[in-house]
Amino acid sequence: VAALLSYVLGFITGIIFLLIEKDNKFVRFHAWQSTITFGSFAVLGIVLGFIPVLGVIALMALWAVEMIAWVVLMVKAYQGEKFKFPIAGDVAEQKSGL
């Protein structure tokens, strides 16, 4: 359940679980993955917000991808799977020592 909760508010809960969970590598993996994935989505969203017209279209597509990723990552974490999101999953694996 803690792994699932690390995704609930995106990178915010990811950071919170990185601060409070020191021993469980599975939870730390998902906390790192949440922080990296949704932090990257947030930065990309800010950048796209400065691009007129095409940026708005790209933001809508980004939002859809983000929602799908959010649901998939929460379900996989709840099922006890170490589902690795591209790039962020590899970094999270290294950082968590899993």
PDB file of N, CA and C in Angstrom:
ATOM      1  N   VAL A   1       0.834  -1.194   0.000  1.00  0.00           N
ATOM      2  CA  VAL A   1       0.000   0.000   0.000  1.00  0.00           C
ATOM      3  C   VAL A   1       0.878   1.257   0.000  1.00  0.00           C
ATOM      4  N   ALA A   2       1.978   1.231   0.717  1.00  0.00           N
ATOM      5  CA  ALA A   2       2.867   2.400   0.762  1.00  0.00           C
ATOM      6  C   ALA A   2       3.428   2.701  -0.628  1.00  0.00           C
ATOM      7  N   ALA A   3       3.719   1.653  -1.406  1.00  0.00           N
ATOM      8  CA  ALA A   3       4.225   1.868  -2.761  1.00  0.00           C
ATOM      9  C   ALA A   3       3.169   2.567  -3.615  1.00  0.00           C
ATOM     10  N   LEU A   4       1.913   2.153  -3.490  1.00  0.00           N
ATOM     11  CA  LEU A   4       0.825   2.798  -4.211  1.00  0.00           C
ATOM     12  C   LEU A   4       0.685   4.253  -3.775  1.00  0.00           C
ATOM     13  N   LEU A   5       0.747   4.491  -2.479  1.00  0.00           N
ATOM     14  CA  LEU A   5       0.574   5.847  -1.951  1.00  0.00           C
ATOM     15  C   LEU A   5       1.661   6.810  -2.418  1.00  0.00           C
ATOM     16  N   SER A   6       2.820   6.267  -2.803  1.00  0.00           N
ATOM     17  CA  SER A   6       3.886   7.155  -3.277  1.00  0.00           C
ATOM     18  C   SER A   6       3.545   7.802  -4.621  1.00  0.00           C
ATOM     19  N   TYR A   7       2.489   7.307  -5.285  1.00  0.00           N
ATOM     20  CA  TYR A   7       2.058   7.884  -6.566  1.00  0.00           C
ATOM     21  C   TYR A   7       0.856   8.809  -6.436  1.00  0.00           C
ATOM     22  N   VAL A   8       0.146   8.790  -5.328  1.00  0.00           N
ATOM     23  CA  VAL A   8      -1.151   9.469  -5.205  1.00  0.00           C
ATOM     24  C   VAL A   8      -1.097  10.949  -5.591  1.00  0.00           C
ATOM     25  N   LEU A   9      -0.152  11.690  -5.088  1.00  0.00           N
ATOM     26  CA  LEU A   9      -0.027  13.114  -5.422  1.00  0.00           C
ATOM     27  C   LEU A   9       1.214  13.382  -6.280  1.00  0.00           C
ATOM     28  N   GLY A  10       1.568  12.399  -7.102  1.00  0.00           N
ATOM     29  CA  GLY A  10       2.706  12.565  -8.002  1.00  0.00           C
ATOM     30  C   GLY A  10       4.024  12.684  -7.268  1.00  0.00           C
ATOM     31  N   PHE A  11       4.850  13.604  -7.717  1.00  0.00           N
ATOM     32  CA  PHE A  11       6.192  13.717  -7.143  1.00  0.00           C
ATOM     33  C   PHE A  11       6.173  14.173  -5.681  1.00  0.00           C
ATOM     34  N   ILE A  12       5.103  14.810  -5.241  1.00  0.00           N
ATOM     35  CA  ILE A  12       5.021  15.275  -3.847  1.00  0.00           C
ATOM     36  C   ILE A  12       5.025  14.085  -2.891  1.00  0.00           C
ATOM     37  N   THR A  13       4.142  13.106  -3.131  1.00  0.00           N
ATOM     38  CA  THR A  13       4.124  11.932  -2.250  1.00  0.00           C
ATOM     39  C   THR A  13       5.364  11.075  -2.466  1.00  0.00           C
ATOM     40  N   GLY A  14       5.923  11.118  -3.664  1.00  0.00           N
ATOM     41  CA  GLY A  14       7.177  10.407  -3.893  1.00  0.00           C
ATOM     42  C   GLY A  14       8.274  10.931  -2.987  1.00  0.00           C
ATOM     43  N   ILE A  15       8.390  12.240  -2.899  1.00  0.00           N
ATOM     44  CA  ILE A  15       9.397  12.860  -2.031  1.00  0.00           C
ATOM     45  C   ILE A  15       9.107  12.539  -0.562  1.00  0.00           C
ATOM     46  N   ILE A  16       7.843  12.599  -0.177  1.00  0.00           N
ATOM     47  CA  ILE A  16       7.476  12.308   1.215  1.00  0.00           C
ATOM     48  C   ILE A  16       7.899  10.888   1.587  1.00  0.00           C
ATOM     49  N   PHE A  17       7.619   9.921   0.710  1.00  0.00           N
ATOM     50  CA  PHE A  17       7.989   8.539   1.019  1.00  0.00           C
ATOM     51  C   PHE A  17       9.496   8.327   0.975  1.00  0.00           C
ATOM     52  N   LEU A  18      10.210   9.089   0.171  1.00  0.00           N
ATOM     53  CA  LEU A  18      11.676   9.005   0.199  1.00  0.00           C
ATOM     54  C   LEU A  18      12.215   9.483   1.545  1.00  0.00           C
ATOM     55  N   LEU A  19      11.546  10.459   2.133  1.00  0.00           N
ATOM     56  CA  LEU A  19      11.994  10.999   3.416  1.00  0.00           C
ATOM     57  C   LEU A  19      11.624  10.097   4.594  1.00  0.00           C
ATOM     58  N   ILE A  20      10.464   9.435   4.528  1.00  0.00           N
ATOM     59  CA  ILE A  20      10.025   8.662   5.698  1.00  0.00           C
ATOM     60  C   ILE A  20      10.381   7.178   5.622  1.00  0.00           C
ATOM     61  N   GLU A  21      10.543   6.636   4.433  1.00  0.00           N
ATOM     62  CA  GLU A  21      10.840   5.199   4.298  1.00  0.00           C
ATOM     63  C   GLU A  21      12.327   5.009   4.045  1.00  0.00           C
ATOM     64  N   LYS A  22      13.000   4.388   4.991  1.00  0.00           N
ATOM     65  CA  LYS A  22      14.448   4.206   4.863  1.00  0.00           C
ATOM     66  C   LYS A  22      14.843   2.758   4.578  1.00  0.00           C
ATOM     67  N   ASP A  23      14.002   1.787   4.929  1.00  0.00           N
ATOM     68  CA  ASP A  23      14.397   0.382   4.851  1.00  0.00           C
ATOM     69  C   ASP A  23      13.807  -0.397   3.684  1.00  0.00           C
ATOM     70  N   ASN A  24      12.552  -0.163   3.350  1.00  0.00           N
ATOM     71  CA  ASN A  24      11.872  -0.961   2.339  1.00  0.00           C
ATOM     72  C   ASN A  24      12.285  -0.512   0.938  1.00  0.00           C
ATOM     73  N   LYS A  25      13.094  -1.330   0.264  1.00  0.00           N
ATOM     74  CA  LYS A  25      13.615  -0.974  -1.057  1.00  0.00           C
ATOM     75  C   LYS A  25      12.520  -0.931  -2.114  1.00  0.00           C
ATOM     76  N   PHE A  26      11.492  -1.760  -1.961  1.00  0.00           N
ATOM     77  CA  PHE A  26      10.382  -1.764  -2.913  1.00  0.00           C
ATOM     78  C   PHE A  26       9.629  -0.427  -2.867  1.00  0.00           C
ATOM     79  N   VAL A  27       9.358   0.052  -1.679  1.00  0.00           N
ATOM     80  CA  VAL A  27       8.670   1.339  -1.525  1.00  0.00           C
ATOM     81  C   VAL A  27       9.571   2.464  -2.015  1.00  0.00           C
ATOM     82  N   ARG A  28      10.839   2.401  -1.694  1.00  0.00           N
ATOM     83  CA  ARG A  28      11.774   3.437  -2.147  1.00  0.00           C
ATOM     84  C   ARG A  28      11.884   3.450  -3.674  1.00  0.00           C
ATOM     85  N   PHE A  29      11.856   2.271  -4.312  1.00  0.00           N
ATOM     86  CA  PHE A  29      11.872   2.213  -5.775  1.00  0.00           C
ATOM     87  C   PHE A  29      10.688   2.988  -6.338  1.00  0.00           C
ATOM     88  N   HIS A  30       9.489   2.705  -5.826  1.00  0.00           N
ATOM     89  CA  HIS A  30       8.299   3.373  -6.343  1.00  0.00           C
ATOM     90  C   HIS A  30       8.286   4.860  -5.990  1.00  0.00           C
ATOM     91  N   ALA A  31       8.835   5.223  -4.844  1.00  0.00           N
ATOM     92  CA  ALA A  31       8.920   6.636  -4.478  1.00  0.00           C
ATOM     93  C   ALA A  31       9.867   7.381  -5.424  1.00  0.00           C
ATOM     94  N   TRP A  32      11.004   6.767  -5.721  1.00  0.00           N
ATOM     95  CA  TRP A  32      11.937   7.376  -6.678  1.00  0.00           C
ATOM     96  C   TRP A  32      11.299   7.486  -8.052  1.00  0.00           C
ATOM     97  N   GLN A  33      10.647   6.420  -8.483  1.00  0.00           N
ATOM     98  CA  GLN A  33      10.032   6.423  -9.809  1.00  0.00           C
ATOM     99  C   GLN A  33       8.939   7.497  -9.886  1.00  0.00           C
ATOM    100  N   SER A  34       8.154   7.638  -8.841  1.00  0.00           N
ATOM    101  CA  SER A  34       7.119   8.669  -8.807  1.00  0.00           C
ATOM    102  C   SER A  34       7.732  10.062  -8.883  1.00  0.00           C
ATOM    103  N   THR A  35       8.752  10.289  -8.098  1.00  0.00           N
ATOM    104  CA  THR A  35       9.411  11.592  -8.067  1.00  0.00           C
ATOM    105  C   THR A  35      10.000  11.950  -9.427  1.00  0.00           C
ATOM    106  N   ILE A  36      10.694  11.021 -10.029  1.00  0.00           N
ATOM    107  CA  ILE A  36      11.348  11.277 -11.316  1.00  0.00           C
ATOM    108  C   ILE A  36      10.319  11.424 -12.434  1.00  0.00           C
ATOM    109  N   THR A  37       9.369  10.496 -12.507  1.00  0.00           N
ATOM    110  CA  THR A  37       8.387  10.500 -13.590  1.00  0.00           C
ATOM    111  C   THR A  37       7.511  11.746 -13.545  1.00  0.00           C
ATOM    112  N   PHE A  38       6.877  11.978 -12.398  1.00  0.00           N
ATOM    113  CA  PHE A  38       5.925  13.080 -12.331  1.00  0.00           C
ATOM    114  C   PHE A  38       6.607  14.434 -12.172  1.00  0.00           C
ATOM    115  N   GLY A  39       7.824  14.448 -11.661  1.00  0.00           N
ATOM    116  CA  GLY A  39       8.611  15.675 -11.670  1.00  0.00           C
ATOM    117  C   GLY A  39       8.963  16.074 -13.092  1.00  0.00           C
ATOM    118  N   SER A  40       9.312  15.082 -13.908  1.00  0.00           N
ATOM    119  CA  SER A  40       9.620  15.336 -15.319  1.00  0.00           C
ATOM    120  C   SER A  40       8.386  15.815 -16.072  1.00  0.00           C
ATOM    121  N   PHE A  41       7.238  15.179 -15.791  1.00  0.00           N
ATOM    122  CA  PHE A  41       5.990  15.625 -16.423  1.00  0.00           C
ATOM    123  C   PHE A  41       5.693  17.076 -16.047  1.00  0.00           C
ATOM    124  N   ALA A  42       5.923  17.449 -14.798  1.00  0.00           N
ATOM    125  CA  ALA A  42       5.653  18.817 -14.346  1.00  0.00           C
ATOM    126  C   ALA A  42       6.552  19.818 -15.064  1.00  0.00           C
ATOM    127  N   VAL A  43       7.832  19.506 -15.158  1.00  0.00           N
ATOM    128  CA  VAL A  43       8.774  20.397 -15.848  1.00  0.00           C
ATOM    129  C   VAL A  43       8.402  20.519 -17.322  1.00  0.00           C
ATOM    130  N   LEU A  44       8.088  19.395 -17.953  1.00  0.00           N
ATOM    131  CA  LEU A  44       7.700  19.414 -19.361  1.00  0.00           C
ATOM    132  C   LEU A  44       6.424  20.232 -19.563  1.00  0.00           C
ATOM    133  N   GLY A  45       5.487  20.114 -18.645  1.00  0.00           N
ATOM    134  CA  GLY A  45       4.254  20.891 -18.724  1.00  0.00           C
ATOM    135  C   GLY A  45       4.506  22.384 -18.637  1.00  0.00           C
ATOM    136  N   ILE A  46       5.426  22.775 -17.772  1.00  0.00           N
ATOM    137  CA  ILE A  46       5.770  24.198 -17.649  1.00  0.00           C
ATOM    138  C   ILE A  46       6.391  24.705 -18.941  1.00  0.00           C
ATOM    139  N   VAL A  47       7.311  23.930 -19.505  1.00  0.00           N
ATOM    140  CA  VAL A  47       7.968  24.322 -20.761  1.00  0.00           C
ATOM    141  C   VAL A  47       6.940  24.431 -21.885  1.00  0.00           C
ATOM    142  N   LEU A  48       6.056  23.442 -21.998  1.00  0.00           N
ATOM    143  CA  LEU A  48       5.050  23.462 -23.060  1.00  0.00           C
ATOM    144  C   LEU A  48       4.076  24.618 -22.902  1.00  0.00           C
ATOM    145  N   GLY A  49       3.864  25.065 -21.680  1.00  0.00           N
ATOM    146  CA  GLY A  49       2.971  26.184 -21.427  1.00  0.00           C
ATOM    147  C   GLY A  49       3.438  27.488 -22.044  1.00  0.00           C
ATOM    148  N   PHE A  50       4.706  27.591 -22.361  1.00  0.00           N
ATOM    149  CA  PHE A  50       5.246  28.801 -22.977  1.00  0.00           C
ATOM    150  C   PHE A  50       5.149  28.795 -24.496  1.00  0.00           C
ATOM    151  N   ILE A  51       4.726  27.681 -25.070  1.00  0.00           N
ATOM    152  CA  ILE A  51       4.634  27.575 -26.529  1.00  0.00           C
ATOM    153  C   ILE A  51       3.188  27.842 -26.946  1.00  0.00           C
ATOM    154  N   PRO A  52       2.964  28.878 -27.736  1.00  0.00           N
ATOM    155  CA  PRO A  52       1.588  29.177 -28.137  1.00  0.00           C
ATOM    156  C   PRO A  52       1.024  28.104 -29.080  1.00  0.00           C
ATOM    157  N   VAL A  53      -0.220  27.873 -29.039  1.00  0.00           N
ATOM    158  CA  VAL A  53      -1.034  26.968 -29.843  1.00  0.00           C
ATOM    159  C   VAL A  53      -0.554  25.516 -29.773  1.00  0.00           C
ATOM    160  N   LEU A  54       0.583  25.216 -30.353  1.00  0.00           N
ATOM    161  CA  LEU A  54       1.083  23.835 -30.333  1.00  0.00           C
ATOM    162  C   LEU A  54       1.366  23.358 -28.913  1.00  0.00           C
ATOM    163  N   GLY A  55       1.779  24.274 -28.070  1.00  0.00           N
ATOM    164  CA  GLY A  55       2.025  23.934 -26.676  1.00  0.00           C
ATOM    165  C   GLY A  55       0.752  23.492 -25.970  1.00  0.00           C
ATOM    166  N   VAL A  56      -0.355  24.151 -26.269  1.00  0.00           N
ATOM    167  CA  VAL A  56      -1.640  23.795 -25.670  1.00  0.00           C
ATOM    168  C   VAL A  56      -2.067  22.399 -26.118  1.00  0.00           C
ATOM    169  N   ILE A  57      -1.881  22.114 -27.384  1.00  0.00           N
ATOM    170  CA  ILE A  57      -2.218  20.783 -27.917  1.00  0.00           C
ATOM    171  C   ILE A  57      -1.324  19.728 -27.281  1.00  0.00           C
ATOM    172  N   ALA A  58      -0.040  20.029 -27.193  1.00  0.00           N
ATOM    173  CA  ALA A  58       0.902  19.097 -26.572  1.00  0.00           C
ATOM    174  C   ALA A  58       0.594  18.899 -25.094  1.00  0.00           C
ATOM    175  N   LEU A  59       0.148  19.952 -24.420  1.00  0.00           N
ATOM    176  CA  LEU A  59      -0.221  19.841 -23.004  1.00  0.00           C
ATOM    177  C   LEU A  59      -1.395  18.889 -22.803  1.00  0.00           C
ATOM    178  N   MET A  60      -2.364  18.934 -23.714  1.00  0.00           N
ATOM    179  CA  MET A  60      -3.502  18.018 -23.612  1.00  0.00           C
ATOM    180  C   MET A  60      -3.052  16.569 -23.794  1.00  0.00           C
ATOM    181  N   ALA A  61      -2.156  16.345 -24.746  1.00  0.00           N
ATOM    182  CA  ALA A  61      -1.630  14.999 -24.964  1.00  0.00           C
ATOM    183  C   ALA A  61      -0.804  14.540 -23.763  1.00  0.00           C
ATOM    184  N   LEU A  62       0.002  15.452 -23.226  1.00  0.00           N
ATOM    185  CA  LEU A  62       0.812  15.142 -22.052  1.00  0.00           C
ATOM    186  C   LEU A  62      -0.078  14.776 -20.869  1.00  0.00           C
ATOM    187  N   TRP A  63      -1.170  15.509 -20.677  1.00  0.00           N
ATOM    188  CA  TRP A  63      -2.098  15.234 -19.587  1.00  0.00           C
ATOM    189  C   TRP A  63      -2.671  13.825 -19.723  1.00  0.00           C
ATOM    190  N   ALA A  64      -3.045  13.435 -20.941  1.00  0.00           N
ATOM    191  CA  ALA A  64      -3.599  12.098 -21.156  1.00  0.00           C
ATOM    192  C   ALA A  64      -2.560  11.021 -20.831  1.00  0.00           C
ATOM    193  N   VAL A  65      -1.342  11.205 -21.293  1.00  0.00           N
ATOM    194  CA  VAL A  65      -0.263  10.245 -21.014  1.00  0.00           C
ATOM    195  C   VAL A  65       0.001  10.176 -19.515  1.00  0.00           C
ATOM    196  N   GLU A  66      -0.004  11.324 -18.867  1.00  0.00           N
ATOM    197  CA  GLU A  66       0.251  11.380 -17.424  1.00  0.00           C
ATOM    198  C   GLU A  66      -0.832  10.634 -16.640  1.00  0.00           C
ATOM    199  N   MET A  67      -2.079  10.797 -17.020  1.00  0.00           N
ATOM    200  CA  MET A  67      -3.180  10.116 -16.319  1.00  0.00           C
ATOM    201  C   MET A  67      -3.096   8.597 -16.493  1.00  0.00           C
ATOM    202  N   ILE A  68      -2.793   8.164 -17.705  1.00  0.00           N
ATOM    203  CA  ILE A  68      -2.651   6.726 -17.959  1.00  0.00           C
ATOM    204  C   ILE A  68      -1.484   6.162 -17.161  1.00  0.00           C
ATOM    205  N   ALA A  69      -0.342   6.855 -17.187  1.00  0.00           N
ATOM    206  CA  ALA A  69       0.834   6.403 -16.433  1.00  0.00           C
ATOM    207  C   ALA A  69       0.529   6.354 -14.943  1.00  0.00           C
ATOM    208  N   TRP A  70      -0.178   7.358 -14.436  1.00  0.00           N
ATOM    209  CA  TRP A  70      -0.522   7.435 -13.018  1.00  0.00           C
ATOM    210  C   TRP A  70      -1.331   6.219 -12.585  1.00  0.00           C
ATOM    211  N   VAL A  71      -2.358   5.885 -13.352  1.00  0.00           N
ATOM    212  CA  VAL A  71      -3.208   4.739 -13.007  1.00  0.00           C
ATOM    213  C   VAL A  71      -2.428   3.431 -13.108  1.00  0.00           C
ATOM    214  N   VAL A  72      -1.697   3.249 -14.194  1.00  0.00           N
ATOM    215  CA  VAL A  72      -0.937   2.013 -14.389  1.00  0.00           C
ATOM    216  C   VAL A  72       0.089   1.828 -13.282  1.00  0.00           C
ATOM    217  N   LEU A  73       0.827   2.875 -12.947  1.00  0.00           N
ATOM    218  CA  LEU A  73       1.858   2.769 -11.918  1.00  0.00           C
ATOM    219  C   LEU A  73       1.263   2.478 -10.539  1.00  0.00           C
ATOM    220  N   MET A  74       0.118   3.075 -10.233  1.00  0.00           N
ATOM    221  CA  MET A  74      -0.522   2.794  -8.939  1.00  0.00           C
ATOM    222  C   MET A  74      -1.019   1.357  -8.879  1.00  0.00           C
ATOM    223  N   VAL A  75      -1.636   0.871  -9.941  1.00  0.00           N
ATOM    224  CA  VAL A  75      -2.146  -0.505  -9.955  1.00  0.00           C
ATOM    225  C   VAL A  75      -0.995  -1.496  -9.830  1.00  0.00           C
ATOM    226  N   LYS A  76       0.065  -1.288 -10.590  1.00  0.00           N
ATOM    227  CA  LYS A  76       1.212  -2.200 -10.545  1.00  0.00           C
ATOM    228  C   LYS A  76       1.877  -2.185  -9.164  1.00  0.00           C
ATOM    229  N   ALA A  77       1.987  -1.013  -8.551  1.00  0.00           N
ATOM    230  CA  ALA A  77       2.575  -0.933  -7.209  1.00  0.00           C
ATOM    231  C   ALA A  77       1.701  -1.669  -6.201  1.00  0.00           C
ATOM    232  N   TYR A  78       0.395  -1.518  -6.309  1.00  0.00           N
ATOM    233  CA  TYR A  78      -0.528  -2.195  -5.387  1.00  0.00           C
ATOM    234  C   TYR A  78      -0.462  -3.712  -5.562  1.00  0.00           C
ATOM    235  N   GLN A  79      -0.233  -4.173  -6.783  1.00  0.00           N
ATOM    236  CA  GLN A  79      -0.128  -5.606  -7.057  1.00  0.00           C
ATOM    237  C   GLN A  79       1.224  -6.177  -6.656  1.00  0.00           C
ATOM    238  N   GLY A  80       2.118  -5.326  -6.191  1.00  0.00           N
ATOM    239  CA  GLY A  80       3.431  -5.783  -5.746  1.00  0.00           C
ATOM    240  C   GLY A  80       4.423  -5.990  -6.873  1.00  0.00           C
ATOM    241  N   GLU A  81       4.154  -5.425  -8.021  1.00  0.00           N
ATOM    242  CA  GLU A  81       5.051  -5.558  -9.168  1.00  0.00           C
ATOM    243  C   GLU A  81       6.047  -4.407  -9.220  1.00  0.00           C
ATOM    244  N   LYS A  82       7.244  -4.723  -9.678  1.00  0.00           N
ATOM    245  CA  LYS A  82       8.256  -3.689  -9.900  1.00  0.00           C
ATOM    246  C   LYS A  82       8.180  -3.305 -11.377  1.00  0.00           C
ATOM    247  N   PHE A  83       7.150  -2.584 -11.727  1.00  0.00           N
ATOM    248  CA  PHE A  83       6.939  -2.131 -13.101  1.00  0.00           C
ATOM    249  C   PHE A  83       7.809  -0.909 -13.340  1.00  0.00           C
ATOM    250  N   LYS A  84       8.694  -1.003 -14.342  1.00  0.00           N
ATOM    251  CA  LYS A  84       9.629   0.089 -14.601  1.00  0.00           C
ATOM    252  C   LYS A  84       9.126   0.947 -15.751  1.00  0.00           C
ATOM    253  N   PHE A  85       8.892   2.212 -15.459  1.00  0.00           N
ATOM    254  CA  PHE A  85       8.549   3.192 -16.484  1.00  0.00           C
ATOM    255  C   PHE A  85       9.839   3.495 -17.244  1.00  0.00           C
ATOM    256  N   PRO A  86       9.777   3.702 -18.573  1.00  0.00           N
ATOM    257  CA  PRO A  86      11.009   3.947 -19.335  1.00  0.00           C
ATOM    258  C   PRO A  86      11.856   5.075 -18.739  1.00  0.00           C
ATOM    259  N   ILE A  87      13.123   4.872 -18.698  1.00  0.00           N
ATOM    260  CA  ILE A  87      14.162   5.770 -18.200  1.00  0.00           C
ATOM    261  C   ILE A  87      14.045   5.995 -16.686  1.00  0.00           C
ATOM    262  N   ALA A  88      12.922   6.505 -16.221  1.00  0.00           N
ATOM    263  CA  ALA A  88      12.742   6.773 -14.791  1.00  0.00           C
ATOM    264  C   ALA A  88      12.864   5.495 -13.970  1.00  0.00           C
ATOM    265  N   GLY A  89      12.374   4.372 -14.500  1.00  0.00           N
ATOM    266  CA  GLY A  89      12.453   3.102 -13.785  1.00  0.00           C
ATOM    267  C   GLY A  89      13.883   2.639 -13.594  1.00  0.00           C
ATOM    268  N   ASP A  90      14.724   2.851 -14.593  1.00  0.00           N
ATOM    269  CA  ASP A  90      16.135   2.463 -14.478  1.00  0.00           C
ATOM    270  C   ASP A  90      16.855   3.308 -13.427  1.00  0.00           C
ATOM    271  N   VAL A  91      16.591   4.598 -13.438  1.00  0.00           N
ATOM    272  CA  VAL A  91      17.196   5.494 -12.450  1.00  0.00           C
ATOM    273  C   VAL A  91      16.701   5.134 -11.049  1.00  0.00           C
ATOM    274  N   ALA A  92      15.388   4.910 -10.933  1.00  0.00           N
ATOM    275  CA  ALA A  92      14.800   4.558  -9.633  1.00  0.00           C
ATOM    276  C   ALA A  92      15.387   3.258  -9.107  1.00  0.00           C
ATOM    277  N   GLU A  93      15.626   2.310  -9.986  1.00  0.00           N
ATOM    278  CA  GLU A  93      16.210   1.035  -9.594  1.00  0.00           C
ATOM    279  C   GLU A  93      17.610   1.230  -9.025  1.00  0.00           C
ATOM    280  N   GLN A  94      18.403   2.069  -9.671  1.00  0.00           N
ATOM    281  CA  GLN A  94      19.758   2.344  -9.193  1.00  0.00           C
ATOM    282  C   GLN A  94      19.723   3.080  -7.857  1.00  0.00           C
ATOM    283  N   LYS A  95      18.869   4.074  -7.738  1.00  0.00           N
ATOM    284  CA  LYS A  95      18.796   4.888  -6.524  1.00  0.00           C
ATOM    285  C   LYS A  95      18.283   4.084  -5.318  1.00  0.00           C
ATOM    286  N   SER A  96      17.355   3.148  -5.563  1.00  0.00           N
ATOM    287  CA  SER A  96      16.751   2.401  -4.454  1.00  0.00           C
ATOM    288  C   SER A  96      17.574   1.174  -4.074  1.00  0.00           C
ATOM    289  N   GLY A  97      18.461   0.753  -4.958  1.00  0.00           N
ATOM    290  CA  GLY A  97      19.268  -0.435  -4.681  1.00  0.00           C
ATOM    291  C   GLY A  97      18.486  -1.721  -4.837  1.00  0.00           C
ATOM    292  N   LEU A  98      17.393  -1.666  -5.568  1.00  0.00           N
ATOM    293  CA  LEU A  98      16.539  -2.845  -5.763  1.00  0.00           C
ATOM    294  C   LEU A  98      17.032  -3.690  -6.904  1.00  0.00           C
TER     295      LEU A  98
END
